[in-house]
Amino acid sequence: MMIGDRIKQLRTDAKMTQPELAAKLEVTRSAVATYENNTRQPSFHILVRIAEIFHVSTDYLLLGSRDDSLDVSGLTIDQKAILVNLIKNFKETNESMLFEKSKKKELAEKNRELEKRLKEKE
């Protein structure tokens, strides 16, 4: 996937039209179209604006690496520590929910299998 493909994907995911993105970037709709068609590369300034608009990194736009990152500049050490703990708790909760969902699915499958066996014996 090339940079233009990623720009188009981000724009369509955001339910934004080319003219809407063009207005935010202060360029023409045809300029956006040339970025998305990979016939012209956006300038550094435009690339940074696209990243800001869609809340992605310029690395993602250029390379496709979508490492989730947070801008924590301007936060105190205590605020950063709170965020780290919050993220850790979210991850643990998600893992727990996935485990529970997996267990429920496994039990439901065992119940169906047991019901099937019971019916076969009747």
Protein backbone atom coordinates (compact mmCIF):
# COMPACT_ATOMS: atom_id res chain seq x y z
CA MET A 1 0.00 0.00 0.00
CA MET A 2 1.38 3.40 -0.96
CA ILE A 3 0.97 6.76 0.77
CA GLY A 4 -1.93 7.79 -1.46
CA ASP A 5 -3.77 4.57 -0.66
CA ARG A 6 -3.36 5.24 3.07
CA ILE A 7 -4.58 8.84 2.68
CA LYS A 8 -7.66 7.67 0.78
CA GLN A 9 -8.36 4.93 3.33
CA LEU A 10 -8.11 7.38 6.23
CA ARG A 11 -10.34 9.88 4.44
CA THR A 12 -13.02 7.33 3.57
CA ASP A 13 -12.87 5.78 7.06
CA ALA A 14 -13.54 9.28 8.42
CA LYS A 15 -16.49 9.61 5.99
CA MET A 16 -14.84 12.69 4.53
CA THR A 17 -15.04 13.79 0.90
CA GLN A 18 -12.09 14.94 -1.16
CA PRO A 19 -13.40 18.54 -1.14
CA GLU A 20 -13.72 18.42 2.66
CA LEU A 21 -10.15 17.18 3.08
CA ALA A 22 -8.95 19.73 0.53
CA ALA A 23 -10.57 22.54 2.54
CA LYS A 24 -8.87 21.37 5.74
CA LEU A 25 -5.53 21.19 3.93
CA GLU A 26 -6.13 24.47 2.07
CA VAL A 27 -5.44 22.78 -1.27
CA THR A 28 -7.66 21.98 -4.25
CA ARG A 29 -9.77 18.85 -4.55
CA SER A 30 -7.68 17.83 -7.54
CA ALA A 31 -4.52 18.05 -5.38
CA VAL A 32 -6.09 15.58 -2.94
CA ALA A 33 -7.02 13.34 -5.87
CA THR A 34 -3.42 13.35 -7.13
CA TYR A 35 -2.16 12.41 -3.64
CA GLU A 36 -4.68 9.57 -3.43
CA ASN A 37 -3.86 8.36 -6.96
CA ASN A 38 -0.15 8.36 -6.12
CA THR A 39 0.57 10.65 -9.07
CA ARG A 40 1.89 13.41 -6.79
CA GLN A 41 3.37 13.30 -3.30
CA PRO A 42 2.16 15.77 -0.67
CA SER A 43 4.71 18.27 0.62
CA PHE A 44 6.14 17.81 4.08
CA HIS A 45 3.81 20.51 5.41
CA ILE A 46 0.75 18.83 3.87
CA LEU A 47 1.89 15.42 5.09
CA VAL A 48 2.11 16.72 8.67
CA ARG A 49 -1.37 18.30 8.35
CA ILE A 50 -2.84 15.03 7.06
CA ALA A 51 -1.32 13.20 10.03
CA GLU A 52 -2.80 15.77 12.43
CA ILE A 53 -6.24 15.65 10.81
CA PHE A 54 -6.47 11.85 11.00
CA HIS A 55 -4.56 11.46 14.27
CA VAL A 56 -1.90 9.18 12.82
CA SER A 57 1.86 9.46 12.64
CA THR A 58 3.76 10.59 9.59
CA ASP A 59 5.53 7.23 9.85
CA TYR A 60 2.21 5.54 9.23
CA LEU A 61 1.52 7.72 6.20
CA LEU A 62 4.99 7.19 4.75
CA LEU A 63 5.76 3.62 5.77
CA GLY A 64 2.52 2.05 6.81
CA SER A 65 3.76 1.30 10.33
CA ARG A 66 0.81 1.80 12.58
CA ASP A 67 2.34 1.69 16.01
CA ASP A 68 -0.20 3.26 18.27
CA SER A 69 1.34 6.15 20.12
CA LEU A 70 0.14 8.92 22.36
CA ASP A 71 1.43 12.46 22.44
CA VAL A 72 2.21 12.93 26.13
CA SER A 73 4.24 16.09 25.72
CA GLY A 74 3.24 18.70 28.25
CA LEU A 75 2.06 16.15 30.80
CA THR A 76 3.66 15.79 34.21
CA ILE A 77 5.44 12.62 35.27
CA ASP A 78 2.49 11.81 37.56
CA GLN A 79 0.01 12.27 34.71
CA LYS A 80 2.10 10.00 32.49
CA ALA A 81 2.20 7.36 35.24
CA ILE A 82 -1.60 7.53 35.54
CA LEU A 83 -1.92 6.98 31.78
CA VAL A 84 0.46 4.01 31.88
CA ASN A 85 -1.59 2.42 34.67
CA LEU A 86 -4.85 3.16 32.88
CA ILE A 87 -3.59 1.52 29.69
CA LYS A 88 -2.34 -1.47 31.68
CA ASN A 89 -5.77 -1.84 33.32
CA PHE A 90 -7.55 -1.59 29.94
CA LYS A 91 -5.31 -4.32 28.51
CA GLU A 92 -5.89 -6.60 31.50
CA THR A 93 -9.65 -6.03 31.28
CA ASN A 94 -9.66 -6.78 27.54
CA GLU A 95 -7.60 -9.94 28.03
CA SER A 96 -9.95 -11.05 30.81
CA MET A 97 -13.02 -10.39 28.65
CA LEU A 98 -11.49 -12.31 25.73
CA PHE A 99 -10.65 -15.21 28.04
CA GLU A 100 -14.21 -15.26 29.42
CA LYS A 101 -15.68 -15.08 25.92
CA SER A 102 -13.44 -17.94 24.81
CA LYS A 103 -14.45 -20.04 27.83
CA LYS A 104 -18.16 -19.39 27.23
CA LYS A 105 -17.79 -20.42 23.60
CA GLU A 106 -15.93 -23.56 24.60
CA LEU A 107 -18.61 -24.49 27.16
CA ALA A 108 -21.40 -23.84 24.64
CA GLU A 109 -19.70 -26.16 22.13
CA LYS A 110 -19.33 -28.88 24.80
CA ASN A 111 -23.01 -28.51 25.72
CA ARG A 112 -24.05 -28.88 22.09
CA GLU A 113 -21.89 -31.95 21.75
CA LEU A 114 -23.36 -33.49 24.91
CA GLU A 115 -26.91 -32.74 23.73
CA LYS A 116 -26.12 -34.35 20.41
CA ARG A 117 -24.82 -37.48 22.14
CA LEU A 118 -27.88 -37.65 24.34
CA LYS A 119 -30.18 -37.45 21.33
CA GLU A 120 -28.20 -40.20 19.59
CA LYS A 121 -28.65 -42.51 22.60
CA GLU A 122 -32.43 -41.98 22.67
